[in-house]
């Protein structure tokens, strides 16, 4: 399985030129409003779909999949006035590395987008291996594809999606050390394949392929409102968590052991966070098609309808169930990347800190990873405390600070030392976040 260790944005919205964000198992995105944090998550989501197994290049690429609605090409590409003229391309890229023990070296994969019918379309794909080796597929003037490697390029009349699929299939199934012919590929591609063969022979097991990425689970900043009574509908996952009540009901009805595991985990979180001490499904009939209610026990000591308790319960439940539901059909679910927008919404500070604990434990026990856009000091501080207490390795955490500078935004990559102290802190972060504390302590007027 591959993991993204860096996201690169070039001329996207508020990001002028190239900006890079380091991605680690727990990545925190912090900064003022409207500084590109959601854009960062949306771009990661686009690349994740694009380079995930099963995506068909013929289908095109949609930049408006919930919860990220990024608009048309002109809405995504950075606006520019003046001598440089308007921007006609933008670029997104990922640095990827494998964690399956194969020893594969990191490689960089990027896509350049141009405008077609007001929407972004792939103009070129670029794979870089090390400092000097690369493969580029770019659209040429004849709507075909130019394949380029160092010191050589060849034109073909195949569209870029077909050329990519052929190379992907060839490198997945081929034995590069023994085969020196192009099989069914065009003979003029032979220098390109020879170049890839040399990469295999002398630089390790690189291959031109779509990466095998973890499942991406996006969670919207505003989750679905609770209902007094739920009518069973299709259990289709959504970033707003509309599927969560149906998922819970199904487990309670058909997979009692799985429901008991989930219920115990929910109750443990509820007690530690002070949100609730029990949660259960109340069904109005014996069939799965019958209506049901979600009931929780809070400080009154009695079970109450989820509509009659604080919003913190209903707004956190989609996150809790998605993170805690670790098995499907009797098997552990594939490792996931959770893209979370403001998970702290409607939560008391105690609940926010406990949510951070949940993320840490999910990574340590199950290998899940988290991209977290947050305005919560309590989440950030609890992650730092986990490092300080040796519950989490410092190199598992990345903190990205989005700093506005005029009409541009700069991404600052910060890390933690073994005591949870911030490293690489820019002046802008200190000026805003630490100035308040200094004033409170009387160090500044």
Foldseek 3Di string as FASTA:
>chain_A
DKDFQKKWKAQWAQAHGIAMEGFFQEEEEDEDPPLCLVVSVLLVVQVCLVLAPPDALVVWTQSCDPPGHQFFPVSTGYADDDPVDGDFKIKMKTWMDDDPPQPDDIKIKMFMWGHDPRHTGTAKIKIGDPDAWIWMWGQDPLQWIWIDIVPDIDTDRHHSSVVLVLQQVCQVPDDLQPDQAPVPDDRVCSVVSVSVSVCCVPVHSDGSHRDHYFAEQEADQAADDFDQKDFDDDQDDDNNLPNLVLVLLCCVQPPVVLNVQLQVQVQVLCVQLLNFNGKDKAFPDNDSRGMIFIWTHHDVRDTDTPNPGFVLCVLLSSVSCVLRNQDDPRHGDTAYEYEYEASCPRGDLSSLLSVLVSSLCSCVPPVHGYYYHHPDPSSLVSVLVCLLVVVDPQSNYWYWYWDDDPSHTHIFIWTADSNSDIPRDDPVCCVPVVVVVCVVVVNDD
